[in-house]
Amino acid sequence: MYPPVLIINDKLGNFFIDIAKLVFAGVVLSTLLDITSGKLLVLILGISATVVFVIVGLKYYKEKGGK
């Protein structure tokens, strides 16, 4: 059995990586379909949010034993 902390960290890592994928897909689709008028702002916010969620997700993947 794995300790509960490692299982929770793995699930949190998956969650943040999935959120990053959804944000990135939303940004790409909104710019391709010309839904928004401020494309540059949407791209900057979407890409930065994607990067933040990926970093947080990878942090939880690497975290061992709740340190």
N, C-alpha and C. Protein backbone atom coordinates (compact mmCIF):
# COMPACT_ATOMS: atom_id res chain seq x y z
N MET A 1 0.83 -1.19 0.00
CA MET A 1 0.00 0.00 0.00
C MET A 1 0.87 1.25 0.00
N TYR A 2 0.38 2.24 -0.71
CA TYR A 2 1.05 3.54 -0.71
C TYR A 2 0.50 4.39 0.42
N PRO A 3 1.33 5.24 1.00
CA PRO A 3 0.82 6.14 2.04
C PRO A 3 -0.25 7.07 1.46
N PRO A 4 -1.25 7.46 2.27
CA PRO A 4 -2.34 8.31 1.78
C PRO A 4 -1.87 9.64 1.21
N VAL A 5 -0.79 10.19 1.73
CA VAL A 5 -0.30 11.49 1.26
C VAL A 5 0.16 11.38 -0.19
N LEU A 6 0.83 10.28 -0.54
CA LEU A 6 1.30 10.13 -1.92
C LEU A 6 0.14 9.95 -2.88
N ILE A 7 -0.90 9.26 -2.45
CA ILE A 7 -2.07 9.07 -3.31
C ILE A 7 -2.78 10.41 -3.53
N ILE A 8 -2.93 11.20 -2.48
CA ILE A 8 -3.58 12.51 -2.60
C ILE A 8 -2.75 13.43 -3.49
N ASN A 9 -1.43 13.42 -3.32
CA ASN A 9 -0.58 14.26 -4.16
C ASN A 9 -0.68 13.85 -5.62
N ASP A 10 -0.77 12.57 -5.89
CA ASP A 10 -0.91 12.10 -7.27
C ASP A 10 -2.23 12.57 -7.86
N LYS A 11 -3.31 12.48 -7.08
CA LYS A 11 -4.62 12.92 -7.55
C LYS A 11 -4.64 14.44 -7.77
N LEU A 12 -4.03 15.20 -6.87
CA LEU A 12 -3.96 16.64 -7.05
C LEU A 12 -3.13 17.02 -8.27
N GLY A 13 -2.05 16.30 -8.49
CA GLY A 13 -1.24 16.53 -9.67
C GLY A 13 -2.04 16.30 -10.94
N ASN A 14 -2.78 15.20 -10.98
CA ASN A 14 -3.64 14.92 -12.14
C ASN A 14 -4.68 16.01 -12.33
N PHE A 15 -5.26 16.47 -11.22
CA PHE A 15 -6.30 17.50 -11.30
C PHE A 15 -5.76 18.78 -11.93
N PHE A 16 -4.60 19.26 -11.46
CA PHE A 16 -4.06 20.51 -11.98
C PHE A 16 -3.59 20.37 -13.42
N ILE A 17 -3.07 19.22 -13.79
CA ILE A 17 -2.68 19.00 -15.18
C ILE A 17 -3.93 19.00 -16.07
N ASP A 18 -5.01 18.39 -15.62
CA ASP A 18 -6.25 18.39 -16.39
C ASP A 18 -6.82 19.80 -16.53
N ILE A 19 -6.78 20.58 -15.47
CA ILE A 19 -7.25 21.97 -15.55
C ILE A 19 -6.41 22.76 -16.54
N ALA A 20 -5.10 22.53 -16.55
CA ALA A 20 -4.23 23.22 -17.49
C ALA A 20 -4.59 22.87 -18.93
N LYS A 21 -4.90 21.60 -19.17
CA LYS A 21 -5.30 21.18 -20.53
C LYS A 21 -6.60 21.85 -20.94
N LEU A 22 -7.56 21.93 -20.02
CA LEU A 22 -8.84 22.55 -20.34
C LEU A 22 -8.70 24.04 -20.60
N VAL A 23 -7.89 24.72 -19.81
CA VAL A 23 -7.67 26.16 -20.02
C VAL A 23 -7.00 26.39 -21.38
N PHE A 24 -5.99 25.59 -21.69
CA PHE A 24 -5.30 25.75 -22.96
C PHE A 24 -6.24 25.49 -24.13
N ALA A 25 -7.06 24.45 -24.03
CA ALA A 25 -8.00 24.16 -25.11
C ALA A 25 -9.01 25.29 -25.26
N GLY A 26 -9.48 25.85 -24.16
CA GLY A 26 -10.41 26.97 -24.22
C GLY A 26 -9.80 28.20 -24.87
N VAL A 27 -8.54 28.46 -24.56
CA VAL A 27 -7.86 29.62 -25.15
C VAL A 27 -7.69 29.41 -26.65
N VAL A 28 -7.25 28.23 -27.04
CA VAL A 28 -7.03 27.96 -28.46
C VAL A 28 -8.36 28.02 -29.23
N LEU A 29 -9.40 27.41 -28.69
CA LEU A 29 -10.69 27.43 -29.39
C LEU A 29 -11.28 28.83 -29.47
N SER A 30 -11.15 29.61 -28.41
CA SER A 30 -11.73 30.95 -28.44
C SER A 30 -10.99 31.85 -29.43
N THR A 31 -9.70 31.67 -29.58
CA THR A 31 -8.98 32.50 -30.54
C THR A 31 -9.18 32.00 -31.97
N LEU A 32 -9.31 30.71 -32.16
CA LEU A 32 -9.53 30.18 -33.50
C LEU A 32 -10.93 30.50 -34.01
N LEU A 33 -11.91 30.48 -33.14
CA LEU A 33 -13.29 30.73 -33.54
C LEU A 33 -13.65 32.21 -33.50
N ASP A 34 -12.72 33.05 -33.14
CA ASP A 34 -12.91 34.50 -33.11
C ASP A 34 -14.09 34.89 -32.23
N ILE A 35 -14.17 34.27 -31.04
CA ILE A 35 -15.27 34.54 -30.12
C ILE A 35 -15.04 35.85 -29.36
N THR A 36 -13.81 36.12 -29.00
CA THR A 36 -13.52 37.29 -28.18
C THR A 36 -12.94 38.42 -29.02
N SER A 37 -13.11 39.62 -28.50
CA SER A 37 -12.56 40.77 -29.22
C SER A 37 -11.13 41.07 -28.78
N GLY A 38 -10.78 40.78 -27.52
CA GLY A 38 -9.43 41.03 -27.02
C GLY A 38 -8.58 39.78 -27.07
N LYS A 39 -8.16 39.38 -28.26
CA LYS A 39 -7.43 38.12 -28.43
C LYS A 39 -6.13 38.09 -27.66
N LEU A 40 -5.39 39.20 -27.68
CA LEU A 40 -4.08 39.22 -27.03
C LEU A 40 -4.22 39.02 -25.52
N LEU A 41 -5.18 39.68 -24.93
CA LEU A 41 -5.40 39.52 -23.48
C LEU A 41 -5.80 38.09 -23.14
N VAL A 42 -6.67 37.50 -23.94
CA VAL A 42 -7.10 36.12 -23.70
C VAL A 42 -5.93 35.17 -23.85
N LEU A 43 -5.10 35.38 -24.85
CA LEU A 43 -3.92 34.52 -25.04
C LEU A 43 -2.95 34.64 -23.87
N ILE A 44 -2.67 35.85 -23.45
CA ILE A 44 -1.71 36.05 -22.35
C ILE A 44 -2.23 35.44 -21.06
N LEU A 45 -3.49 35.71 -20.72
CA LEU A 45 -4.06 35.15 -19.49
C LEU A 45 -4.18 33.63 -19.57
N GLY A 46 -4.58 33.11 -20.71
CA GLY A 46 -4.74 31.66 -20.85
C GLY A 46 -3.43 30.91 -20.79
N ILE A 47 -2.44 31.43 -21.47
CA ILE A 47 -1.13 30.76 -21.46
C ILE A 47 -0.49 30.85 -20.07
N SER A 48 -0.62 32.01 -19.41
CA SER A 48 -0.04 32.12 -18.07
C SER A 48 -0.78 31.22 -17.08
N ALA A 49 -2.10 31.11 -17.20
CA ALA A 49 -2.85 30.21 -16.32
C ALA A 49 -2.47 28.76 -16.58
N THR A 50 -2.27 28.41 -17.84
CA THR A 50 -1.85 27.05 -18.18
C THR A 50 -0.50 26.73 -17.56
N VAL A 51 0.43 27.66 -17.68
CA VAL A 51 1.77 27.44 -17.11
C VAL A 51 1.69 27.29 -15.59
N VAL A 52 0.89 28.13 -14.94
CA VAL A 52 0.76 28.05 -13.48
C VAL A 52 0.17 26.71 -13.06
N PHE A 53 -0.90 26.27 -13.75
CA PHE A 53 -1.52 24.99 -13.38
C PHE A 53 -0.57 23.81 -13.64
N VAL A 54 0.21 23.87 -14.70
CA VAL A 54 1.18 22.79 -14.97
C VAL A 54 2.25 22.76 -13.88
N ILE A 55 2.74 23.91 -13.49
CA ILE A 55 3.78 23.97 -12.45
C ILE A 55 3.23 23.43 -11.12
N VAL A 56 2.01 23.84 -10.76
CA VAL A 56 1.42 23.35 -9.51
C VAL A 56 1.18 21.84 -9.60
N GLY A 57 0.69 21.36 -10.74
CA GLY A 57 0.47 19.93 -10.91
C GLY A 57 1.75 19.13 -10.81
N LEU A 58 2.80 19.61 -11.44
CA LEU A 58 4.09 18.90 -11.38
C LEU A 58 4.68 18.97 -9.97
N LYS A 59 4.42 20.06 -9.24
CA LYS A 59 4.90 20.16 -7.85
C LYS A 59 4.28 19.05 -7.00
N TYR A 60 2.98 18.81 -7.20
CA TYR A 60 2.33 17.75 -6.44
C TYR A 60 2.81 16.37 -6.87
N TYR A 61 3.14 16.20 -8.14
CA TYR A 61 3.69 14.92 -8.57
C TYR A 61 5.03 14.63 -7.91
N LYS A 62 5.86 15.66 -7.78
CA LYS A 62 7.21 15.48 -7.25
C LYS A 62 7.25 15.42 -5.74
N GLU A 63 6.21 15.94 -5.08
CA GLU A 63 6.21 16.02 -3.61
C GLU A 63 6.15 14.61 -3.01
N LYS A 64 7.05 14.37 -2.10
CA LYS A 64 7.14 13.04 -1.46
C LYS A 64 6.84 13.16 0.02
N GLY A 65 5.87 12.43 0.49
CA GLY A 65 5.62 12.34 1.93
C GLY A 65 5.12 13.60 2.58
N GLY A 66 4.52 14.52 1.83
CA GLY A 66 3.97 15.73 2.42
C GLY A 66 5.00 16.77 2.82
N LYS A 67 6.19 16.70 2.25
CA LYS A 67 7.23 17.68 2.61
C LYS A 67 6.96 19.01 1.96
